[in-house]
Amino acid sequence: MAAAYLHHLSNGRVEVRSAGSAPGVAVNPTAVEAMAEEGIDISANQPRVLTDEAVQASDVVITMGCGDACPIYPGKRYEDWELDDPAGQGIVTVRPIRDAIRDRVETLITELLPAGNSSTEES
């Protein structure tokens, strides 16, 4: 959801990489439903494993509770967003998680894209 919001709300001005330390086999269908309510289709997305290469290629790394499983490299900006896990939750529970993610992404965009800046990277 965060990657989809970042791409959508930045109008593609931020290069987004999305991966997880232990991704599922498919995107959470309730997350798909929650994002569809926002007009964002993530149904074709495929979960990916977080690689060292993806972290090394990024300026900012946003984690959501991956702890020691996430590679750490000097010089990268890291933020861990403590959010409830939407896995196995119903839409009523996922909506506030989605909204919290959107709020954090909006804040991140204002930090990454100050007036006049047209590109940066995110993972």
C-alpha atoms as a PDB file:
ATOM      1  CA  MET A   1       0.000   0.000   0.000  1.00  0.00           C
ATOM      2  CA  ALA A   2       2.814   2.409   0.845  1.00  0.00           C
ATOM      3  CA  ALA A   3       4.578   1.875  -2.471  1.00  0.00           C
ATOM      4  CA  ALA A   4       1.342   2.339  -4.396  1.00  0.00           C
ATOM      5  CA  TYR A   5       0.541   5.546  -2.530  1.00  0.00           C
ATOM      6  CA  LEU A   6       4.070   6.850  -3.006  1.00  0.00           C
ATOM      7  CA  HIS A   7       3.980   6.263  -6.737  1.00  0.00           C
ATOM      8  CA  HIS A   8       0.449   7.632  -7.087  1.00  0.00           C
ATOM      9  CA  LEU A   9       0.749  10.691  -4.845  1.00  0.00           C
ATOM     10  CA  SER A  10       4.163  11.698  -6.198  1.00  0.00           C
ATOM     11  CA  ASN A  11       2.801  11.460  -9.748  1.00  0.00           C
ATOM     12  CA  GLY A  12       5.629   9.058 -10.568  1.00  0.00           C
ATOM     13  CA  ARG A  13       8.327  11.553  -9.509  1.00  0.00           C
ATOM     14  CA  VAL A  14       9.708   9.110  -6.941  1.00  0.00           C
ATOM     15  CA  GLU A  15      11.249   5.833  -8.053  1.00  0.00           C
ATOM     16  CA  VAL A  16       9.607   3.244  -5.852  1.00  0.00           C
ATOM     17  CA  ARG A  17      10.858  -0.215  -4.975  1.00  0.00           C
ATOM     18  CA  SER A  18       8.635  -2.453  -2.900  1.00  0.00           C
ATOM     19  CA  ALA A  19       9.810  -5.608  -1.178  1.00  0.00           C
ATOM     20  CA  GLY A  20       9.513  -7.479   2.072  1.00  0.00           C
ATOM     21  CA  SER A  21      11.732  -9.530   4.335  1.00  0.00           C
ATOM     22  CA  ALA A  22       9.207 -12.391   4.282  1.00  0.00           C
ATOM     23  CA  PRO A  23       6.707 -11.618   1.499  1.00  0.00           C
ATOM     24  CA  GLY A  24       3.592 -13.674   0.963  1.00  0.00           C
ATOM     25  CA  VAL A  25       2.806 -15.471  -2.256  1.00  0.00           C
ATOM     26  CA  ALA A  26       0.206 -12.884  -3.294  1.00  0.00           C
ATOM     27  CA  VAL A  27      -0.824  -9.357  -2.412  1.00  0.00           C
ATOM     28  CA  ASN A  28      -3.258  -9.271   0.495  1.00  0.00           C
ATOM     29  CA  PRO A  29      -6.731  -9.239  -1.104  1.00  0.00           C
ATOM     30  CA  THR A  30      -8.079  -6.943   1.612  1.00  0.00           C
ATOM     31  CA  ALA A  31      -5.265  -4.470   0.886  1.00  0.00           C
ATOM     32  CA  VAL A  32      -6.230  -4.681  -2.792  1.00  0.00           C
ATOM     33  CA  GLU A  33      -9.833  -3.888  -1.844  1.00  0.00           C
ATOM     34  CA  ALA A  34      -8.824  -1.013   0.464  1.00  0.00           C
ATOM     35  CA  MET A  35      -6.610   0.576  -2.191  1.00  0.00           C
ATOM     36  CA  ALA A  36      -9.317   0.137  -4.847  1.00  0.00           C
ATOM     37  CA  GLU A  37     -11.534   2.280  -2.643  1.00  0.00           C
ATOM     38  CA  GLU A  38      -8.903   4.998  -3.137  1.00  0.00           C
ATOM     39  CA  GLY A  39      -8.873   4.474  -6.904  1.00  0.00           C
ATOM     40  CA  ILE A  40      -5.497   2.696  -6.865  1.00  0.00           C
ATOM     41  CA  ASP A  41      -5.272  -0.782  -8.416  1.00  0.00           C
ATOM     42  CA  ILE A  42      -2.611  -2.998  -6.826  1.00  0.00           C
ATOM     43  CA  SER A  43      -4.209  -6.284  -7.902  1.00  0.00           C
ATOM     44  CA  ALA A  44      -1.447  -7.092 -10.411  1.00  0.00           C
ATOM     45  CA  ASN A  45       1.390  -6.404  -7.964  1.00  0.00           C
ATOM     46  CA  GLN A  46       3.611  -9.314  -6.976  1.00  0.00           C
ATOM     47  CA  PRO A  47       5.324  -9.629  -3.581  1.00  0.00           C
ATOM     48  CA  ARG A  48       9.124  -9.507  -3.816  1.00  0.00           C
ATOM     49  CA  VAL A  49      11.922 -10.375  -1.423  1.00  0.00           C
ATOM     50  CA  LEU A  50      13.956  -7.421  -0.182  1.00  0.00           C
ATOM     51  CA  THR A  51      17.464  -7.670  -1.614  1.00  0.00           C
ATOM     52  CA  ASP A  52      20.718  -5.995  -0.658  1.00  0.00           C
ATOM     53  CA  GLU A  53      20.825  -4.524  -4.161  1.00  0.00           C
ATOM     54  CA  ALA A  54      17.448  -2.801  -3.736  1.00  0.00           C
ATOM     55  CA  VAL A  55      18.557  -1.243  -0.452  1.00  0.00           C
ATOM     56  CA  GLN A  56      21.910  -0.153  -1.898  1.00  0.00           C
ATOM     57  CA  ALA A  57      20.158   1.507  -4.852  1.00  0.00           C
ATOM     58  CA  SER A  58      17.794   3.479  -2.603  1.00  0.00           C
ATOM     59  CA  ASP A  59      18.208   6.820  -0.884  1.00  0.00           C
ATOM     60  CA  VAL A  60      15.472   6.165   1.669  1.00  0.00           C
ATOM     61  CA  VAL A  61      14.412   2.812   3.092  1.00  0.00           C
ATOM     62  CA  ILE A  62      11.036   2.567   4.798  1.00  0.00           C
ATOM     63  CA  THR A  63      10.535  -0.558   6.871  1.00  0.00           C
ATOM     64  CA  MET A  64       7.459  -1.819   8.629  1.00  0.00           C
ATOM     65  CA  GLY A  65       8.743  -4.038  11.372  1.00  0.00           C
ATOM     66  CA  CYS A  66      11.297  -6.180   9.544  1.00  0.00           C
ATOM     67  CA  GLY A  67      13.853  -5.744  12.345  1.00  0.00           C
ATOM     68  CA  ASP A  68      17.156  -7.546  11.854  1.00  0.00           C
ATOM     69  CA  ALA A  69      15.956  -9.110   8.583  1.00  0.00           C
ATOM     70  CA  CYS A  70      16.434  -5.811   6.723  1.00  0.00           C
ATOM     71  CA  PRO A  71      19.901  -5.037   5.382  1.00  0.00           C
ATOM     72  CA  ILE A  72      21.484  -1.883   6.806  1.00  0.00           C
ATOM     73  CA  TYR A  73      23.966   0.220   4.849  1.00  0.00           C
ATOM     74  CA  PRO A  74      25.704   3.404   5.989  1.00  0.00           C
ATOM     75  CA  GLY A  75      24.544   6.607   4.360  1.00  0.00           C
ATOM     76  CA  LYS A  76      20.971   5.485   3.796  1.00  0.00           C
ATOM     77  CA  ARG A  77      18.016   7.127   5.453  1.00  0.00           C
ATOM     78  CA  TYR A  78      15.978   4.538   7.342  1.00  0.00           C
ATOM     79  CA  GLU A  79      12.516   4.931   8.849  1.00  0.00           C
ATOM     80  CA  ASP A  80      10.587   2.171  10.555  1.00  0.00           C
ATOM     81  CA  TRP A  81       6.862   2.796  10.394  1.00  0.00           C
ATOM     82  CA  GLU A  82       5.161   0.998  13.257  1.00  0.00           C
ATOM     83  CA  LEU A  83       1.783   0.001  11.877  1.00  0.00           C
ATOM     84  CA  ASP A  84      -0.610  -2.851  12.490  1.00  0.00           C
ATOM     85  CA  ASP A  85      -0.202  -5.708  10.021  1.00  0.00           C
ATOM     86  CA  PRO A  86      -3.189  -5.885   7.656  1.00  0.00           C
ATOM     87  CA  ALA A  87      -2.596  -9.600   6.989  1.00  0.00           C
ATOM     88  CA  GLY A  88      -5.648 -11.646   7.865  1.00  0.00           C
ATOM     89  CA  GLN A  89      -7.672  -8.554   8.797  1.00  0.00           C
ATOM     90  CA  GLY A  90     -11.042  -7.499   7.427  1.00  0.00           C
ATOM     91  CA  ILE A  91     -11.657  -4.312   5.468  1.00  0.00           C
ATOM     92  CA  VAL A  92     -12.922  -2.405   8.531  1.00  0.00           C
ATOM     93  CA  THR A  93      -9.566  -3.004  10.260  1.00  0.00           C
ATOM     94  CA  VAL A  94      -7.477  -2.414   7.128  1.00  0.00           C
ATOM     95  CA  ARG A  95      -8.970   0.993   6.273  1.00  0.00           C
ATOM     96  CA  PRO A  96      -7.384   2.814   9.244  1.00  0.00           C
ATOM     97  CA  ILE A  97      -4.046   1.111   8.500  1.00  0.00           C
ATOM     98  CA  ARG A  98      -4.342   2.257   4.881  1.00  0.00           C
ATOM     99  CA  ASP A  99      -5.163   5.788   6.008  1.00  0.00           C
ATOM    100  CA  ALA A 100      -2.186   5.874   8.393  1.00  0.00           C
ATOM    101  CA  ILE A 101       0.072   4.728   5.561  1.00  0.00           C
ATOM    102  CA  ARG A 102      -1.294   7.465   3.309  1.00  0.00           C
ATOM    103  CA  ASP A 103      -0.614  10.102   5.981  1.00  0.00           C
ATOM    104  CA  ARG A 104       2.984   8.933   6.380  1.00  0.00           C
ATOM    105  CA  VAL A 105       3.507   8.790   2.614  1.00  0.00           C
ATOM    106  CA  GLU A 106       2.170  12.325   2.207  1.00  0.00           C
ATOM    107  CA  THR A 107       4.643  13.543   4.843  1.00  0.00           C
ATOM    108  CA  LEU A 108       7.469  11.642   3.175  1.00  0.00           C
ATOM    109  CA  ILE A 109       6.666  13.185  -0.201  1.00  0.00           C
ATOM    110  CA  THR A 110       6.866  16.700   1.219  1.00  0.00           C
ATOM    111  CA  GLU A 111      10.308  15.825   2.600  1.00  0.00           C
ATOM    112  CA  LEU A 112      11.558  14.151  -0.589  1.00  0.00           C
ATOM    113  CA  LEU A 113      10.138  16.548  -3.137  1.00  0.00           C
ATOM    114  CA  PRO A 114      10.664  20.104  -1.991  1.00  0.00           C
ATOM    115  CA  ALA A 115       9.569  22.727  -4.523  1.00  0.00           C
ATOM    116  CA  GLY A 116      11.478  22.329  -7.770  1.00  0.00           C
ATOM    117  CA  ASN A 117      12.866  18.829  -7.121  1.00  0.00           C
ATOM    118  CA  SER A 118      11.678  16.397  -9.774  1.00  0.00           C
ATOM    119  CA  SER A 119      13.275  13.069  -8.871  1.00  0.00           C
ATOM    120  CA  THR A 120      14.497  10.955  -5.985  1.00  0.00           C
ATOM    121  CA  GLU A 121      14.423   7.279  -5.032  1.00  0.00           C
ATOM    122  CA  GLU A 122      12.519   5.278  -2.437  1.00  0.00           C
ATOM    123  CA  SER A 123      12.337   1.668  -1.325  1.00  0.00           C
END
